[in-house]
């Protein structure tokens, strides 16, 4: 999953949110350098990613991108899932998405001392360009896909990925619906374990 989903699946817990958002920038035993709540957020992020990668709907969604993007197919599916989440009327409307984005930036801004260097340099752009809110728009997804290319070692363009997204949007939406119906209860169950630690 991409940033909107990981933020949303932190269930408004500040430290878990921080861990969930920085997890990709924390390697190996470095996670033990953080407070318990952030450590749990890092773990939760990784549990969500493993669940996502193993889900049959995600495998189908990746198949639309894999011929052109191979191992990076999953990164583009993560972005696509955020588009559908941002437009999922059972989770958000325009006002609630806007409010959630502001809440997320506010909570993260209070914990910047825990940001790894790469996330710290990226966060001001996420906030000023309002990535979380703008995932609801196709132009926001196009920019996010371009960001995937900038962070990748072996990609040179994202236009093909965006065209594949538009061409297969209905089938990708079905994949999201099938996947999200399973992910939400899974993530809630994982989150509730924090209360028992």
C-alpha atoms as a PDB file:
ATOM      1  CA  UNK A   1       0.000   0.000   0.000  1.00  0.00           C
ATOM      2  CA  UNK A   2       1.010   3.624  -0.494  1.00  0.00           C
ATOM      3  CA  UNK A   3       1.072   6.582   1.929  1.00  0.00           C
ATOM      4  CA  UNK A   4      -2.666   7.271   2.208  1.00  0.00           C
ATOM      5  CA  UNK A   5      -3.508   3.671   3.078  1.00  0.00           C
ATOM      6  CA  UNK A   6      -0.668   3.327   5.588  1.00  0.00           C
ATOM      7  CA  UNK A   7      -1.713   6.562   7.277  1.00  0.00           C
ATOM      8  CA  UNK A   8      -5.362   5.500   7.370  1.00  0.00           C
ATOM      9  CA  UNK A   9      -4.517   2.064   8.727  1.00  0.00           C
ATOM     10  CA  UNK A  10      -2.700   3.648  11.670  1.00  0.00           C
ATOM     11  CA  UNK A  11      -6.170   4.346  13.139  1.00  0.00           C
ATOM     12  CA  UNK A  12      -5.313   7.856  14.422  1.00  0.00           C
ATOM     13  CA  UNK A  13      -2.568   6.624  16.777  1.00  0.00           C
ATOM     14  CA  UNK A  14       0.275   9.196  16.563  1.00  0.00           C
ATOM     15  CA  UNK A  15       3.298   6.950  17.175  1.00  0.00           C
ATOM     16  CA  UNK A  16       1.927   4.072  15.119  1.00  0.00           C
ATOM     17  CA  UNK A  17       1.312   6.574  12.326  1.00  0.00           C
ATOM     18  CA  UNK A  18       4.933   7.699  12.443  1.00  0.00           C
ATOM     19  CA  UNK A  19       6.205   4.117  12.305  1.00  0.00           C
ATOM     20  CA  UNK A  20       3.797   3.204   9.532  1.00  0.00           C
ATOM     21  CA  UNK A  21       4.931   6.163   7.421  1.00  0.00           C
ATOM     22  CA  UNK A  22       8.705   5.843   7.933  1.00  0.00           C
ATOM     23  CA  UNK A  23       8.946   2.058   7.778  1.00  0.00           C
ATOM     24  CA  UNK A  24      10.390   1.861   4.256  1.00  0.00           C
ATOM     25  CA  UNK A  25      13.277   4.062   5.384  1.00  0.00           C
ATOM     26  CA  UNK A  26      14.163   2.007   8.464  1.00  0.00           C
ATOM     27  CA  UNK A  27      16.404  -0.974   7.803  1.00  0.00           C
ATOM     28  CA  UNK A  28      17.032  -4.054   9.919  1.00  0.00           C
ATOM     29  CA  UNK A  29      17.693  -3.556  13.626  1.00  0.00           C
ATOM     30  CA  UNK A  30      17.403   0.225  13.306  1.00  0.00           C
ATOM     31  CA  UNK A  31      13.725  -0.170  14.228  1.00  0.00           C
ATOM     32  CA  UNK A  32      14.791  -0.866  17.815  1.00  0.00           C
ATOM     33  CA  UNK A  33      16.134   2.708  18.060  1.00  0.00           C
ATOM     34  CA  UNK A  34      12.558   4.014  18.233  1.00  0.00           C
ATOM     35  CA  UNK A  35       9.929   4.138  21.016  1.00  0.00           C
ATOM     36  CA  UNK A  36       7.617   1.136  21.328  1.00  0.00           C
ATOM     37  CA  UNK A  37       4.676   2.741  19.502  1.00  0.00           C
ATOM     38  CA  UNK A  38       6.807   3.655  16.495  1.00  0.00           C
ATOM     39  CA  UNK A  39       8.346   0.182  16.475  1.00  0.00           C
ATOM     40  CA  UNK A  40       4.843  -1.256  16.367  1.00  0.00           C
ATOM     41  CA  UNK A  41       3.950   1.064  13.492  1.00  0.00           C
ATOM     42  CA  UNK A  42       6.980  -0.143  11.555  1.00  0.00           C
ATOM     43  CA  UNK A  43       5.899  -3.744  12.196  1.00  0.00           C
ATOM     44  CA  UNK A  44       2.296  -2.961  11.228  1.00  0.00           C
ATOM     45  CA  UNK A  45       3.464  -1.422   7.952  1.00  0.00           C
ATOM     46  CA  UNK A  46       5.402  -4.574   7.118  1.00  0.00           C
ATOM     47  CA  UNK A  47       2.490  -6.842   8.034  1.00  0.00           C
ATOM     48  CA  UNK A  48       0.223  -4.787   5.763  1.00  0.00           C
ATOM     49  CA  UNK A  49       2.753  -4.958   2.930  1.00  0.00           C
ATOM     50  CA  UNK A  50       3.094  -8.740   3.253  1.00  0.00           C
ATOM     51  CA  UNK A  51      -0.672  -9.174   3.285  1.00  0.00           C
ATOM     52  CA  UNK A  52      -1.000  -6.899   0.259  1.00  0.00           C
ATOM     53  CA  UNK A  53       1.674  -8.673  -1.771  1.00  0.00           C
ATOM     54  CA  UNK A  54       0.176 -12.091  -1.057  1.00  0.00           C
ATOM     55  CA  UNK A  55      -3.439 -11.237  -1.845  1.00  0.00           C
ATOM     56  CA  UNK A  56      -4.870 -12.728  -5.032  1.00  0.00           C
ATOM     57  CA  UNK A  57      -6.488  -9.426  -6.039  1.00  0.00           C
ATOM     58  CA  UNK A  58      -3.113  -7.691  -5.831  1.00  0.00           C
ATOM     59  CA  UNK A  59      -1.554 -10.395  -7.983  1.00  0.00           C
ATOM     60  CA  UNK A  60      -4.208  -9.763 -10.609  1.00  0.00           C
ATOM     61  CA  UNK A  61      -3.729  -5.992 -10.373  1.00  0.00           C
ATOM     62  CA  UNK A  62       0.023  -6.401 -10.823  1.00  0.00           C
ATOM     63  CA  UNK A  63      -0.555  -8.406 -13.985  1.00  0.00           C
ATOM     64  CA  UNK A  64      -1.648  -5.234 -15.796  1.00  0.00           C
ATOM     65  CA  UNK A  65       1.708  -3.577 -15.090  1.00  0.00           C
ATOM     66  CA  UNK A  66       4.139  -6.498 -14.932  1.00  0.00           C
ATOM     67  CA  UNK A  67       4.868  -6.915 -18.686  1.00  0.00           C
ATOM     68  CA  UNK A  68       6.196  -3.348 -18.861  1.00  0.00           C
ATOM     69  CA  UNK A  69       7.485  -2.843 -15.310  1.00  0.00           C
ATOM     70  CA  UNK A  70       8.343  -6.285 -13.960  1.00  0.00           C
ATOM     71  CA  UNK A  71       9.396  -6.019 -10.301  1.00  0.00           C
ATOM     72  CA  UNK A  72       8.063  -2.476 -10.040  1.00  0.00           C
ATOM     73  CA  UNK A  73       4.502  -3.524 -10.895  1.00  0.00           C
ATOM     74  CA  UNK A  74       3.653  -3.654  -7.201  1.00  0.00           C
ATOM     75  CA  UNK A  75       4.788  -0.064  -6.628  1.00  0.00           C
ATOM     76  CA  UNK A  76       2.347   1.167  -9.266  1.00  0.00           C
ATOM     77  CA  UNK A  77      -0.454  -0.966  -7.827  1.00  0.00           C
ATOM     78  CA  UNK A  78       0.188   0.630  -4.419  1.00  0.00           C
ATOM     79  CA  UNK A  79      -0.375   4.058  -5.972  1.00  0.00           C
ATOM     80  CA  UNK A  80      -3.509   2.875  -7.781  1.00  0.00           C
ATOM     81  CA  UNK A  81      -4.932   1.490  -4.527  1.00  0.00           C
ATOM     82  CA  UNK A  82      -4.521   4.921  -2.913  1.00  0.00           C
ATOM     83  CA  UNK A  83      -6.554   6.464  -5.740  1.00  0.00           C
ATOM     84  CA  UNK A  84      -9.410   4.066  -5.124  1.00  0.00           C
ATOM     85  CA  UNK A  85      -9.172   4.495  -1.332  1.00  0.00           C
ATOM     86  CA  UNK A  86      -9.304   8.288  -1.681  1.00  0.00           C
ATOM     87  CA  UNK A  87     -12.442   7.882  -3.793  1.00  0.00           C
ATOM     88  CA  UNK A  88     -13.993   5.128  -1.648  1.00  0.00           C
ATOM     89  CA  UNK A  89     -17.261   6.621  -0.404  1.00  0.00           C
ATOM     90  CA  UNK A  90     -17.470   4.051   2.380  1.00  0.00           C
ATOM     91  CA  UNK A  91     -14.239   5.496   3.840  1.00  0.00           C
ATOM     92  CA  UNK A  92     -14.075   9.163   2.771  1.00  0.00           C
ATOM     93  CA  UNK A  93     -15.938  12.076   1.325  1.00  0.00           C
ATOM     94  CA  UNK A  94     -14.144  15.204   0.109  1.00  0.00           C
ATOM     95  CA  UNK A  95     -14.372  16.968   3.469  1.00  0.00           C
ATOM     96  CA  UNK A  96     -13.312  13.972   5.534  1.00  0.00           C
ATOM     97  CA  UNK A  97     -10.377  13.223   3.223  1.00  0.00           C
ATOM     98  CA  UNK A  98      -9.250  16.834   3.507  1.00  0.00           C
ATOM     99  CA  UNK A  99      -9.563  16.721   7.297  1.00  0.00           C
ATOM    100  CA  UNK A 100      -7.741  13.397   7.488  1.00  0.00           C
ATOM    101  CA  UNK A 101      -4.855  14.741   5.406  1.00  0.00           C
ATOM    102  CA  UNK A 102      -4.507  17.787   7.678  1.00  0.00           C
ATOM    103  CA  UNK A 103      -4.654  15.600  10.800  1.00  0.00           C
ATOM    104  CA  UNK A 104      -1.971  13.297   9.408  1.00  0.00           C
ATOM    105  CA  UNK A 105       0.429  16.131   8.558  1.00  0.00           C
ATOM    106  CA  UNK A 106      -0.183  17.710  11.967  1.00  0.00           C
ATOM    107  CA  UNK A 107       0.515  14.503  13.878  1.00  0.00           C
ATOM    108  CA  UNK A 108       3.621  13.759  11.826  1.00  0.00           C
ATOM    109  CA  UNK A 109       4.920  17.312  12.284  1.00  0.00           C
ATOM    110  CA  UNK A 110       4.991  16.731  16.049  1.00  0.00           C
ATOM    111  CA  UNK A 111       7.375  13.774  15.677  1.00  0.00           C
ATOM    112  CA  UNK A 112       9.929  15.004  13.144  1.00  0.00           C
ATOM    113  CA  UNK A 113      12.800  14.076  15.458  1.00  0.00           C
ATOM    114  CA  UNK A 114      12.110  10.437  14.561  1.00  0.00           C
ATOM    115  CA  UNK A 115      12.146  10.941  10.783  1.00  0.00           C
ATOM    116  CA  UNK A 116      14.888   9.120   8.857  1.00  0.00           C
ATOM    117  CA  UNK A 117      16.802  11.509   6.604  1.00  0.00           C
ATOM    118  CA  UNK A 118      15.074  10.530   3.360  1.00  0.00           C
ATOM    119  CA  UNK A 119      11.588  10.796   4.831  1.00  0.00           C
ATOM    120  CA  UNK A 120      12.506  14.094   6.488  1.00  0.00           C
ATOM    121  CA  UNK A 121      13.540  15.547   3.138  1.00  0.00           C
ATOM    122  CA  UNK A 122      10.371  14.263   1.422  1.00  0.00           C
ATOM    123  CA  UNK A 123       7.787  15.196   4.075  1.00  0.00           C
ATOM    124  CA  UNK A 124       7.719  18.962   3.365  1.00  0.00           C
ATOM    125  CA  UNK A 125       6.770  18.194  -0.251  1.00  0.00           C
ATOM    126  CA  UNK A 126       4.126  15.685   0.838  1.00  0.00           C
ATOM    127  CA  UNK A 127       2.594  18.331   3.086  1.00  0.00           C
ATOM    128  CA  UNK A 128       2.903  21.419   0.854  1.00  0.00           C
ATOM    129  CA  UNK A 129       1.640  19.564  -2.229  1.00  0.00           C
ATOM    130  CA  UNK A 130      -1.013  17.758  -0.133  1.00  0.00           C
ATOM    131  CA  UNK A 131      -0.295  14.320  -1.557  1.00  0.00           C
ATOM    132  CA  UNK A 132      -2.786  12.521   0.687  1.00  0.00           C
ATOM    133  CA  UNK A 133      -5.692  14.683  -0.431  1.00  0.00           C
ATOM    134  CA  UNK A 134      -4.681  14.797  -4.084  1.00  0.00           C
ATOM    135  CA  UNK A 135      -4.577  11.005  -4.501  1.00  0.00           C
ATOM    136  CA  UNK A 136      -8.272  11.309  -5.320  1.00  0.00           C
ATOM    137  CA  UNK A 137      -7.397  12.960  -8.637  1.00  0.00           C
ATOM    138  CA  UNK A 138      -5.955  11.263 -11.685  1.00  0.00           C
ATOM    139  CA  UNK A 139      -3.393  14.044 -12.015  1.00  0.00           C
ATOM    140  CA  UNK A 140      -2.318  13.319  -8.444  1.00  0.00           C
ATOM    141  CA  UNK A 141      -1.829   9.657  -9.337  1.00  0.00           C
ATOM    142  CA  UNK A 142       0.179  10.639 -12.417  1.00  0.00           C
ATOM    143  CA  UNK A 143       2.502  12.699 -10.187  1.00  0.00           C
ATOM    144  CA  UNK A 144       2.796   9.865  -7.697  1.00  0.00           C
ATOM    145  CA  UNK A 145       3.688   7.417 -10.475  1.00  0.00           C
ATOM    146  CA  UNK A 146       6.336   9.860 -11.631  1.00  0.00           C
ATOM    147  CA  UNK A 147       7.685   9.783  -8.082  1.00  0.00           C
ATOM    148  CA  UNK A 148       7.978   5.996  -8.273  1.00  0.00           C
ATOM    149  CA  UNK A 149      10.225   6.417 -11.305  1.00  0.00           C
ATOM    150  CA  UNK A 150      12.399   9.029  -9.566  1.00  0.00           C
ATOM    151  CA  UNK A 151      13.021   6.648  -6.664  1.00  0.00           C
ATOM    152  CA  UNK A 152      13.663   3.602  -8.865  1.00  0.00           C
ATOM    153  CA  UNK A 153      17.040   2.585 -10.240  1.00  0.00           C
ATOM    154  CA  UNK A 154      15.838   0.985 -13.449  1.00  0.00           C
ATOM    155  CA  UNK A 155      12.808   2.979 -14.589  1.00  0.00           C
ATOM    156  CA  UNK A 156      12.813   5.881 -17.028  1.00  0.00           C
ATOM    157  CA  UNK A 157       9.132   6.775 -17.503  1.00  0.00           C
ATOM    158  CA  UNK A 158       5.697   6.465 -15.890  1.00  0.00           C
ATOM    159  CA  UNK A 159       3.460   7.514 -18.788  1.00  0.00           C
ATOM    160  CA  UNK A 160       2.920   3.893 -19.780  1.00  0.00           C
ATOM    161  CA  UNK A 161       1.888   3.015 -16.220  1.00  0.00           C
ATOM    162  CA  UNK A 162      -0.633   5.849 -16.143  1.00  0.00           C
ATOM    163  CA  UNK A 163      -2.060   4.788 -19.506  1.00  0.00           C
ATOM    164  CA  UNK A 164      -2.382   1.212 -18.221  1.00  0.00           C
ATOM    165  CA  UNK A 165      -4.154   2.530 -15.135  1.00  0.00           C
ATOM    166  CA  UNK A 166      -6.676   4.434 -17.242  1.00  0.00           C
ATOM    167  CA  UNK A 167      -7.150   1.603 -19.722  1.00  0.00           C
ATOM    168  CA  UNK A 168      -7.815  -0.983 -17.003  1.00  0.00           C
ATOM    169  CA  UNK A 169      -9.407   1.238 -14.366  1.00  0.00           C
ATOM    170  CA  UNK A 170     -12.616  -0.770 -14.014  1.00  0.00           C
ATOM    171  CA  UNK A 171     -10.841  -4.086 -13.487  1.00  0.00           C
ATOM    172  CA  UNK A 172      -8.333  -2.451 -11.146  1.00  0.00           C
ATOM    173  CA  UNK A 173     -11.229  -1.016  -9.159  1.00  0.00           C
ATOM    174  CA  UNK A 174     -12.660  -4.510  -8.759  1.00  0.00           C
ATOM    175  CA  UNK A 175      -9.265  -5.693  -7.527  1.00  0.00           C
ATOM    176  CA  UNK A 176      -9.214  -2.882  -4.964  1.00  0.00           C
ATOM    177  CA  UNK A 177     -12.720  -3.680  -3.735  1.00  0.00           C
ATOM    178  CA  UNK A 178     -11.895  -7.353  -3.256  1.00  0.00           C
ATOM    179  CA  UNK A 179      -8.581  -6.563  -1.591  1.00  0.00           C
ATOM    180  CA  UNK A 180      -9.762  -3.758   0.720  1.00  0.00           C
ATOM    181  CA  UNK A 181     -12.628  -5.865   2.065  1.00  0.00           C
ATOM    182  CA  UNK A 182      -9.994  -8.282   3.383  1.00  0.00           C
ATOM    183  CA  UNK A 183      -7.269  -5.803   4.316  1.00  0.00           C
ATOM    184  CA  UNK A 184      -9.318  -3.600   6.637  1.00  0.00           C
ATOM    185  CA  UNK A 185     -10.259  -6.355   9.134  1.00  0.00           C
ATOM    186  CA  UNK A 186      -6.727  -7.769   8.923  1.00  0.00           C
ATOM    187  CA  UNK A 187      -5.179  -4.388   9.732  1.00  0.00           C
ATOM    188  CA  UNK A 188      -7.631  -3.764  12.580  1.00  0.00           C
ATOM    189  CA  UNK A 189      -6.776  -7.124  14.073  1.00  0.00           C
ATOM    190  CA  UNK A 190      -3.049  -6.366  13.869  1.00  0.00           C
ATOM    191  CA  UNK A 191      -3.562  -2.887  15.347  1.00  0.00           C
ATOM    192  CA  UNK A 192      -5.532  -4.242  18.299  1.00  0.00           C
ATOM    193  CA  UNK A 193      -2.532  -6.355  19.296  1.00  0.00           C
ATOM    194  CA  UNK A 194      -0.809  -3.131  20.374  1.00  0.00           C
ATOM    195  CA  UNK A 195      -3.256  -2.784  23.264  1.00  0.00           C
ATOM    196  CA  UNK A 196      -2.172  -6.181  24.568  1.00  0.00           C
ATOM    197  CA  UNK A 197       1.575  -5.612  24.536  1.00  0.00           C
END
